Amino acid sequence: MNKKELVVAIAEKSEVSKKDAEKVLQAFTEVVSEQLQKGEKIQLVGFGTFEVSERAARTGRNPKSGEEMVIPASKAPKFKAGKALKDVVNA
């Protein structure tokens, strides 16, 4: 499912226009992005949790040349599914 199909599905489920559904989806993604950027955690009970995962700096190898290189520390967004979502998927 792509973004356009998701907007259509949201519009049908919530009985709003596609335009309004797209605004809501856009607002949701912006708020999640902003909060993760601040290092906040977003918990949606029954659905899951969005959070930032810290990756420490480490040494790696270039697979092509075998040369050692330093991989810098970074942050990555992470989603952990909640129990209710897992149950629906596994049903």
PDB file of N, CA and C in Angstrom:
ATOM      1  N   MET A   1       0.857  -1.180   0.000  1.00  0.00           N
ATOM      2  CA  MET A   1       0.000   0.000   0.000  1.00  0.00           C
ATOM      3  C   MET A   1       0.897   1.236   0.000  1.00  0.00           C
ATOM      4  N   ASN A   2       0.638   2.151  -0.895  1.00  0.00           N
ATOM      5  CA  ASN A   2       1.404   3.390  -0.930  1.00  0.00           C
ATOM      6  C   ASN A   2       0.621   4.511  -0.248  1.00  0.00           C
ATOM      7  N   LYS A   3       1.188   5.709  -0.221  1.00  0.00           N
ATOM      8  CA  LYS A   3       0.564   6.827   0.493  1.00  0.00           C
ATOM      9  C   LYS A   3      -0.818   7.161  -0.068  1.00  0.00           C
ATOM     10  N   LYS A   4      -0.934   7.165  -1.381  1.00  0.00           N
ATOM     11  CA  LYS A   4      -2.211   7.510  -2.016  1.00  0.00           C
ATOM     12  C   LYS A   4      -3.301   6.508  -1.618  1.00  0.00           C
ATOM     13  N   GLU A   5      -2.964   5.235  -1.638  1.00  0.00           N
ATOM     14  CA  GLU A   5      -3.921   4.190  -1.261  1.00  0.00           C
ATOM     15  C   GLU A   5      -4.280   4.295   0.229  1.00  0.00           C
ATOM     16  N   LEU A   6      -3.299   4.646   1.050  1.00  0.00           N
ATOM     17  CA  LEU A   6      -3.547   4.825   2.486  1.00  0.00           C
ATOM     18  C   LEU A   6      -4.505   5.985   2.725  1.00  0.00           C
ATOM     19  N   VAL A   7      -4.312   7.086   2.010  1.00  0.00           N
ATOM     20  CA  VAL A   7      -5.200   8.244   2.139  1.00  0.00           C
ATOM     21  C   VAL A   7      -6.633   7.854   1.766  1.00  0.00           C
ATOM     22  N   VAL A   8      -6.808   7.105   0.690  1.00  0.00           N
ATOM     23  CA  VAL A   8      -8.136   6.666   0.257  1.00  0.00           C
ATOM     24  C   VAL A   8      -8.767   5.772   1.331  1.00  0.00           C
ATOM     25  N   ALA A   9      -7.994   4.842   1.882  1.00  0.00           N
ATOM     26  CA  ALA A   9      -8.513   3.937   2.908  1.00  0.00           C
ATOM     27  C   ALA A   9      -8.912   4.700   4.170  1.00  0.00           C
ATOM     28  N   ILE A  10      -8.103   5.668   4.578  1.00  0.00           N
ATOM     29  CA  ILE A  10      -8.423   6.483   5.757  1.00  0.00           C
ATOM     30  C   ILE A  10      -9.690   7.285   5.504  1.00  0.00           C
ATOM     31  N   ALA A  11      -9.802   7.869   4.321  1.00  0.00           N
ATOM     32  CA  ALA A  11     -10.981   8.668   3.975  1.00  0.00           C
ATOM     33  C   ALA A  11     -12.251   7.822   4.027  1.00  0.00           C
ATOM     34  N   GLU A  12     -12.176   6.614   3.513  1.00  0.00           N
ATOM     35  CA  GLU A  12     -13.348   5.736   3.512  1.00  0.00           C
ATOM     36  C   GLU A  12     -13.718   5.292   4.931  1.00  0.00           C
ATOM     37  N   LYS A  13     -12.720   4.900   5.720  1.00  0.00           N
ATOM     38  CA  LYS A  13     -12.969   4.427   7.093  1.00  0.00           C
ATOM     39  C   LYS A  13     -13.542   5.515   7.986  1.00  0.00           C
ATOM     40  N   SER A  14     -13.012   6.722   7.844  1.00  0.00           N
ATOM     41  CA  SER A  14     -13.426   7.810   8.739  1.00  0.00           C
ATOM     42  C   SER A  14     -14.531   8.683   8.143  1.00  0.00           C
ATOM     43  N   GLU A  15     -14.943   8.364   6.935  1.00  0.00           N
ATOM     44  CA  GLU A  15     -16.010   9.096   6.253  1.00  0.00           C
ATOM     45  C   GLU A  15     -15.721  10.587   6.146  1.00  0.00           C
ATOM     46  N   VAL A  16     -14.493  10.908   5.722  1.00  0.00           N
ATOM     47  CA  VAL A  16     -14.097  12.292   5.446  1.00  0.00           C
ATOM     48  C   VAL A  16     -13.579  12.350   4.016  1.00  0.00           C
ATOM     49  N   SER A  17     -13.350  13.556   3.527  1.00  0.00           N
ATOM     50  CA  SER A  17     -12.854  13.695   2.155  1.00  0.00           C
ATOM     51  C   SER A  17     -11.399  13.236   2.070  1.00  0.00           C
ATOM     52  N   LYS A  18     -10.988  12.890   0.857  1.00  0.00           N
ATOM     53  CA  LYS A  18      -9.598  12.480   0.640  1.00  0.00           C
ATOM     54  C   LYS A  18      -8.649  13.616   1.011  1.00  0.00           C
ATOM     55  N   LYS A  19      -9.062  14.843   0.722  1.00  0.00           N
ATOM     56  CA  LYS A  19      -8.239  16.011   1.020  1.00  0.00           C
ATOM     57  C   LYS A  19      -8.004  16.128   2.537  1.00  0.00           C
ATOM     58  N   ASP A  20      -9.074  15.958   3.313  1.00  0.00           N
ATOM     59  CA  ASP A  20      -8.950  16.028   4.774  1.00  0.00           C
ATOM     60  C   ASP A  20      -8.115  14.869   5.309  1.00  0.00           C
ATOM     61  N   ALA A  21      -8.304  13.683   4.751  1.00  0.00           N
ATOM     62  CA  ALA A  21      -7.545  12.511   5.180  1.00  0.00           C
ATOM     63  C   ALA A  21      -6.058  12.713   4.893  1.00  0.00           C
ATOM     64  N   GLU A  22      -5.747  13.318   3.755  1.00  0.00           N
ATOM     65  CA  GLU A  22      -4.352  13.577   3.409  1.00  0.00           C
ATOM     66  C   GLU A  22      -3.728  14.586   4.369  1.00  0.00           C
ATOM     67  N   LYS A  23      -4.508  15.609   4.753  1.00  0.00           N
ATOM     68  CA  LYS A  23      -4.027  16.604   5.724  1.00  0.00           C
ATOM     69  C   LYS A  23      -3.721  15.947   7.072  1.00  0.00           C
ATOM     70  N   VAL A  24      -4.618  15.063   7.502  1.00  0.00           N
ATOM     71  CA  VAL A  24      -4.432  14.367   8.781  1.00  0.00           C
ATOM     72  C   VAL A  24      -3.187  13.486   8.732  1.00  0.00           C
ATOM     73  N   LEU A  25      -3.019  12.735   7.648  1.00  0.00           N
ATOM     74  CA  LEU A  25      -1.852  11.872   7.509  1.00  0.00           C
ATOM     75  C   LEU A  25      -0.571  12.696   7.487  1.00  0.00           C
ATOM     76  N   GLN A  26      -0.584  13.807   6.766  1.00  0.00           N
ATOM     77  CA  GLN A  26       0.581  14.692   6.693  1.00  0.00           C
ATOM     78  C   GLN A  26       0.902  15.264   8.078  1.00  0.00           C
ATOM     79  N   ALA A  27      -0.120  15.691   8.800  1.00  0.00           N
ATOM     80  CA  ALA A  27       0.074  16.232  10.151  1.00  0.00           C
ATOM     81  C   ALA A  27       0.649  15.158  11.075  1.00  0.00           C
ATOM     82  N   PHE A  28       0.146  13.935  10.965  1.00  0.00           N
ATOM     83  CA  PHE A  28       0.640  12.833  11.796  1.00  0.00           C
ATOM     84  C   PHE A  28       2.129  12.596  11.551  1.00  0.00           C
ATOM     85  N   THR A  29       2.514  12.499  10.283  1.00  0.00           N
ATOM     86  CA  THR A  29       3.926  12.236   9.974  1.00  0.00           C
ATOM     87  C   THR A  29       4.826  13.390  10.418  1.00  0.00           C
ATOM     88  N   GLU A  30       4.337  14.630  10.287  1.00  0.00           N
ATOM     89  CA  GLU A  30       5.122  15.782  10.728  1.00  0.00           C
ATOM     90  C   GLU A  30       5.305  15.784  12.240  1.00  0.00           C
ATOM     91  N   VAL A  31       4.239  15.522  12.981  1.00  0.00           N
ATOM     92  CA  VAL A  31       4.322  15.511  14.444  1.00  0.00           C
ATOM     93  C   VAL A  31       5.252  14.393  14.916  1.00  0.00           C
ATOM     94  N   VAL A  32       5.128  13.208  14.341  1.00  0.00           N
ATOM     95  CA  VAL A  32       6.007  12.097  14.719  1.00  0.00           C
ATOM     96  C   VAL A  32       7.459  12.467  14.433  1.00  0.00           C
ATOM     97  N   SER A  33       7.736  13.023  13.262  1.00  0.00           N
ATOM     98  CA  SER A  33       9.098  13.419  12.902  1.00  0.00           C
ATOM     99  C   SER A  33       9.658  14.467  13.850  1.00  0.00           C
ATOM    100  N   GLU A  34       8.845  15.478  14.159  1.00  0.00           N
ATOM    101  CA  GLU A  34       9.298  16.546  15.061  1.00  0.00           C
ATOM    102  C   GLU A  34       9.609  16.015  16.454  1.00  0.00           C
ATOM    103  N   GLN A  35       8.742  15.153  16.964  1.00  0.00           N
ATOM    104  CA  GLN A  35       8.947  14.623  18.309  1.00  0.00           C
ATOM    105  C   GLN A  35      10.173  13.702  18.360  1.00  0.00           C
ATOM    106  N   LEU A  36      10.366  12.881  17.334  1.00  0.00           N
ATOM    107  CA  LEU A  36      11.542  12.017  17.294  1.00  0.00           C
ATOM    108  C   LEU A  36      12.814  12.846  17.183  1.00  0.00           C
ATOM    109  N   GLN A  37      12.755  13.938  16.440  1.00  0.00           N
ATOM    110  CA  GLN A  37      13.909  14.826  16.300  1.00  0.00           C
ATOM    111  C   GLN A  37      14.305  15.401  17.657  1.00  0.00           C
ATOM    112  N   LYS A  38      13.308  15.667  18.509  1.00  0.00           N
ATOM    113  CA  LYS A  38      13.557  16.188  19.851  1.00  0.00           C
ATOM    114  C   LYS A  38      14.012  15.093  20.815  1.00  0.00           C
ATOM    115  N   GLY A  39      13.962  13.833  20.371  1.00  0.00           N
ATOM    116  CA  GLY A  39      14.334  12.716  21.220  1.00  0.00           C
ATOM    117  C   GLY A  39      13.187  12.172  22.040  1.00  0.00           C
ATOM    118  N   GLU A  40      11.973  12.612  21.746  1.00  0.00           N
ATOM    119  CA  GLU A  40      10.787  12.149  22.473  1.00  0.00           C
ATOM    120  C   GLU A  40      10.349  10.768  21.971  1.00  0.00           C
ATOM    121  N   LYS A  41       9.541  10.114  22.772  1.00  0.00           N
ATOM    122  CA  LYS A  41       8.995   8.801  22.446  1.00  0.00           C
ATOM    123  C   LYS A  41       7.486   8.964  22.269  1.00  0.00           C
ATOM    124  N   ILE A  42       6.921   8.337  21.248  1.00  0.00           N
ATOM    125  CA  ILE A  42       5.479   8.425  20.992  1.00  0.00           C
ATOM    126  C   ILE A  42       4.886   7.042  21.184  1.00  0.00           C
ATOM    127  N   GLN A  43       3.991   6.934  22.156  1.00  0.00           N
ATOM    128  CA  GLN A  43       3.402   5.655  22.498  1.00  0.00           C
ATOM    129  C   GLN A  43       1.912   5.664  22.173  1.00  0.00           C
ATOM    130  N   LEU A  44       1.496   4.789  21.274  1.00  0.00           N
ATOM    131  CA  LEU A  44       0.091   4.636  20.911  1.00  0.00           C
ATOM    132  C   LEU A  44      -0.355   3.272  21.437  1.00  0.00           C
ATOM    133  N   VAL A  45      -1.024   3.280  22.583  1.00  0.00           N
ATOM    134  CA  VAL A  45      -1.420   2.037  23.237  1.00  0.00           C
ATOM    135  C   VAL A  45      -2.251   1.184  22.275  1.00  0.00           C
ATOM    136  N   GLY A  46      -1.878  -0.077  22.172  1.00  0.00           N
ATOM    137  CA  GLY A  46      -2.572  -1.004  21.287  1.00  0.00           C
ATOM    138  C   GLY A  46      -2.017  -1.017  19.875  1.00  0.00           C
ATOM    139  N   PHE A  47      -1.212  -0.014  19.529  1.00  0.00           N
ATOM    140  CA  PHE A  47      -0.647   0.040  18.178  1.00  0.00           C
ATOM    141  C   PHE A  47       0.859  -0.164  18.220  1.00  0.00           C
ATOM    142  N   GLY A  48       1.564   0.722  18.936  1.00  0.00           N
ATOM    143  CA  GLY A  48       3.005   0.585  19.016  1.00  0.00           C
ATOM    144  C   GLY A  48       3.681   1.848  19.507  1.00  0.00           C
ATOM    145  N   THR A  49       5.002   1.820  19.486  1.00  0.00           N
ATOM    146  CA  THR A  49       5.806   2.923  19.995  1.00  0.00           C
ATOM    147  C   THR A  49       6.836   3.353  18.954  1.00  0.00           C
ATOM    148  N   PHE A  50       6.898   4.651  18.728  1.00  0.00           N
ATOM    149  CA  PHE A  50       7.937   5.238  17.884  1.00  0.00           C
ATOM    150  C   PHE A  50       8.982   5.825  18.821  1.00  0.00           C
ATOM    151  N   GLU A  51      10.259   5.531  18.584  1.00  0.00           N
ATOM    152  CA  GLU A  51      11.316   6.102  19.406  1.00  0.00           C
ATOM    153  C   GLU A  51      12.599   6.205  18.596  1.00  0.00           C
ATOM    154  N   VAL A  52      13.594   6.866  19.195  1.00  0.00           N
ATOM    155  CA  VAL A  52      14.887   7.039  18.544  1.00  0.00           C
ATOM    156  C   VAL A  52      15.870   6.061  19.160  1.00  0.00           C
ATOM    157  N   SER A  53      16.586   5.360  18.323  1.00  0.00           N
ATOM    158  CA  SER A  53      17.599   4.413  18.759  1.00  0.00           C
ATOM    159  C   SER A  53      18.975   5.031  18.516  1.00  0.00           C
ATOM    160  N   GLU A  54      19.818   5.010  19.530  1.00  0.00           N
ATOM    161  CA  GLU A  54      21.177   5.563  19.410  1.00  0.00           C
ATOM    162  C   GLU A  54      22.128   4.455  18.967  1.00  0.00           C
ATOM    163  N   ARG A  55      22.895   4.720  17.944  1.00  0.00           N
ATOM    164  CA  ARG A  55      23.901   3.767  17.475  1.00  0.00           C
ATOM    165  C   ARG A  55      25.275   4.344  17.802  1.00  0.00           C
ATOM    166  N   ALA A  56      26.092   3.592  18.501  1.00  0.00           N
ATOM    167  CA  ALA A  56      27.424   4.048  18.879  1.00  0.00           C
ATOM    168  C   ALA A  56      28.359   3.995  17.672  1.00  0.00           C
ATOM    169  N   ALA A  57      29.418   4.790  17.726  1.00  0.00           N
ATOM    170  CA  ALA A  57      30.436   4.739  16.680  1.00  0.00           C
ATOM    171  C   ALA A  57      31.115   3.377  16.744  1.00  0.00           C
ATOM    172  N   ARG A  58      31.507   2.872  15.597  1.00  0.00           N
ATOM    173  CA  ARG A  58      32.156   1.565  15.577  1.00  0.00           C
ATOM    174  C   ARG A  58      33.097   1.461  14.382  1.00  0.00           C
ATOM    175  N   THR A  59      33.914   0.438  14.400  1.00  0.00           N
ATOM    176  CA  THR A  59      34.835   0.201  13.298  1.00  0.00           C
ATOM    177  C   THR A  59      34.229  -0.849  12.382  1.00  0.00           C
ATOM    178  N   GLY A  60      34.297  -0.595  11.095  1.00  0.00           N
ATOM    179  CA  GLY A  60      33.776  -1.538  10.115  1.00  0.00           C
ATOM    180  C   GLY A  60      34.795  -1.748   9.007  1.00  0.00           C
ATOM    181  N   ARG A  61      34.416  -2.542   8.031  1.00  0.00           N
ATOM    182  CA  ARG A  61      35.308  -2.793   6.893  1.00  0.00           C
ATOM    183  C   ARG A  61      34.578  -2.479   5.600  1.00  0.00           C
ATOM    184  N   ASN A  62      35.318  -1.881   4.680  1.00  0.00           N
ATOM    185  CA  ASN A  62      34.807  -1.663   3.341  1.00  0.00           C
ATOM    186  C   ASN A  62      34.796  -3.036   2.668  1.00  0.00           C
ATOM    187  N   PRO A  63      33.634  -3.545   2.277  1.00  0.00           N
ATOM    188  CA  PRO A  63      33.578  -4.896   1.711  1.00  0.00           C
ATOM    189  C   PRO A  63      34.340  -5.036   0.390  1.00  0.00           C
ATOM    190  N   LYS A  64      34.488  -3.938  -0.322  1.00  0.00           N
ATOM    191  CA  LYS A  64      35.168  -3.980  -1.619  1.00  0.00           C
ATOM    192  C   LYS A  64      36.687  -4.081  -1.456  1.00  0.00           C
ATOM    193  N   SER A  65      37.244  -3.220  -0.597  1.00  0.00           N
ATOM    194  CA  SER A  65      38.699  -3.162  -0.463  1.00  0.00           C
ATOM    195  C   SER A  65      39.215  -3.860   0.793  1.00  0.00           C
ATOM    196  N   GLY A  66      38.334  -4.132   1.757  1.00  0.00           N
ATOM    197  CA  GLY A  66      38.765  -4.754   3.008  1.00  0.00           C
ATOM    198  C   GLY A  66      39.382  -3.754   3.974  1.00  0.00           C
ATOM    199  N   GLU A  67      39.417  -2.494   3.570  1.00  0.00           N
ATOM    200  CA  GLU A  67      40.022  -1.440   4.382  1.00  0.00           C
ATOM    201  C   GLU A  67      39.141  -1.127   5.599  1.00  0.00           C
ATOM    202  N   GLU A  68      39.799  -0.968   6.769  1.00  0.00           N
ATOM    203  CA  GLU A  68      39.058  -0.605   7.973  1.00  0.00           C
ATOM    204  C   GLU A  68      38.615   0.841   7.897  1.00  0.00           C
ATOM    205  N   MET A  69      37.420   1.123   8.436  1.00  0.00           N
ATOM    206  CA  MET A  69      36.919   2.490   8.441  1.00  0.00           C
ATOM    207  C   MET A  69      36.085   2.705   9.695  1.00  0.00           C
ATOM    208  N   VAL A  70      35.979   3.965  10.100  1.00  0.00           N
ATOM    209  CA  VAL A  70      35.194   4.302  11.279  1.00  0.00           C
ATOM    210  C   VAL A  70      33.775   4.671  10.829  1.00  0.00           C
ATOM    211  N   ILE A  71      32.803   4.013  11.417  1.00  0.00           N
ATOM    212  CA  ILE A  71      31.403   4.326  11.147  1.00  0.00           C
ATOM    213  C   ILE A  71      30.955   5.240  12.278  1.00  0.00           C
ATOM    214  N   PRO A  72      30.572   6.479  11.978  1.00  0.00           N
ATOM    215  CA  PRO A  72      30.236   7.438  13.040  1.00  0.00           C
ATOM    216  C   PRO A  72      28.958   7.066  13.795  1.00  0.00           C
ATOM    217  N   ALA A  73      28.827   7.600  15.003  1.00  0.00           N
ATOM    218  CA  ALA A  73      27.613   7.404  15.800  1.00  0.00           C
ATOM    219  C   ALA A  73      26.439   8.040  15.058  1.00  0.00           C
ATOM    220  N   SER A  74      25.252   7.473  15.237  1.00  0.00           N
ATOM    221  CA  SER A  74      24.067   8.023  14.574  1.00  0.00           C
ATOM    222  C   SER A  74      22.820   7.687  15.375  1.00  0.00           C
ATOM    223  N   LYS A  75      21.735   8.307  14.973  1.00  0.00           N
ATOM    224  CA  LYS A  75      20.432   8.036  15.566  1.00  0.00           C
ATOM    225  C   LYS A  75      19.546   7.480  14.460  1.00  0.00           C
ATOM    226  N   ALA A  76      18.665   6.544  14.828  1.00  0.00           N
ATOM    227  CA  ALA A  76      17.773   5.949  13.839  1.00  0.00           C
ATOM    228  C   ALA A  76      16.363   5.847  14.419  1.00  0.00           C
ATOM    229  N   PRO A  77      15.343   6.158  13.629  1.00  0.00           N
ATOM    230  CA  PRO A  77      13.976   5.981  14.112  1.00  0.00           C
ATOM    231  C   PRO A  77      13.663   4.488  14.231  1.00  0.00           C
ATOM    232  N   LYS A  78      12.846   4.159  15.213  1.00  0.00           N
ATOM    233  CA  LYS A  78      12.534   2.763  15.475  1.00  0.00           C
ATOM    234  C   LYS A  78      11.048   2.647  15.820  1.00  0.00           C
ATOM    235  N   PHE A  79      10.408   1.600  15.344  1.00  0.00           N
ATOM    236  CA  PHE A  79       9.011   1.341  15.676  1.00  0.00           C
ATOM    237  C   PHE A  79       8.914  -0.038  16.295  1.00  0.00           C
ATOM    238  N   LYS A  80       8.265  -0.105  17.448  1.00  0.00           N
ATOM    239  CA  LYS A  80       8.047  -1.387  18.110  1.00  0.00           C
ATOM    240  C   LYS A  80       6.541  -1.619  18.169  1.00  0.00           C
ATOM    241  N   ALA A  81       6.071  -2.678  17.536  1.00  0.00           N
ATOM    242  CA  ALA A  81       4.647  -2.976  17.488  1.00  0.00           C
ATOM    243  C   ALA A  81       4.128  -3.349  18.867  1.00  0.00           C
ATOM    244  N   GLY A  82       2.910  -2.895  19.176  1.00  0.00           N
ATOM    245  CA  GLY A  82       2.256  -3.223  20.432  1.00  0.00           C
ATOM    246  C   GLY A  82       1.611  -4.597  20.375  1.00  0.00           C
ATOM    247  N   LYS A  83       1.218  -5.108  21.524  1.00  0.00           N
ATOM    248  CA  LYS A  83       0.643  -6.451  21.610  1.00  0.00           C
ATOM    249  C   LYS A  83      -0.623  -6.588  20.766  1.00  0.00           C
ATOM    250  N   ALA A  84      -1.497  -5.607  20.819  1.00  0.00           N
ATOM    251  CA  ALA A  84      -2.756  -5.689  20.057  1.00  0.00           C
ATOM    252  C   ALA A  84      -2.481  -5.776  18.555  1.00  0.00           C
ATOM    253  N   LEU A  85      -1.529  -4.994  18.066  1.00  0.00           N
ATOM    254  CA  LEU A  85      -1.179  -5.037  16.640  1.00  0.00           C
ATOM    255  C   LEU A  85      -0.570  -6.385  16.273  1.00  0.00           C
ATOM    256  N   LYS A  86       0.293  -6.896  17.127  1.00  0.00           N
ATOM    257  CA  LYS A  86       0.897  -8.223  16.883  1.00  0.00           C
ATOM    258  C   LYS A  86      -0.182  -9.296  16.827  1.00  0.00           C
ATOM    259  N   ASP A  87      -1.151  -9.204  17.742  1.00  0.00           N
ATOM    260  CA  ASP A  87      -2.228 -10.195  17.780  1.00  0.00           C
ATOM    261  C   ASP A  87      -3.070 -10.160  16.498  1.00  0.00           C
ATOM    262  N   VAL A  88      -3.354  -8.951  15.996  1.00  0.00           N
ATOM    263  CA  VAL A  88      -4.139  -8.815  14.765  1.00  0.00           C
ATOM    264  C   VAL A  88      -3.378  -9.395  13.579  1.00  0.00           C
ATOM    265  N   VAL A  89      -2.086  -9.121  13.513  1.00  0.00           N
ATOM    266  CA  VAL A  89      -1.263  -9.603  12.398  1.00  0.00           C
ATOM    267  C   VAL A  89      -1.144 -11.132  12.428  1.00  0.00           C
ATOM    268  N   ASN A  90      -1.046 -11.689  13.632  1.00  0.00           N
ATOM    269  CA  ASN A  90      -0.868 -13.143  13.761  1.00  0.00           C
ATOM    270  C   ASN A  90      -2.164 -13.929  13.760  1.00  0.00           C
ATOM    271  N   ALA A  91      -3.313 -13.242  13.723  1.00  0.00           N
ATOM    272  CA  ALA A  91      -4.600 -13.948  13.765  1.00  0.00           C
ATOM    273  C   ALA A  91      -4.928 -14.576  12.429  1.00  0.00           C
TER     274      ALA A  91
END
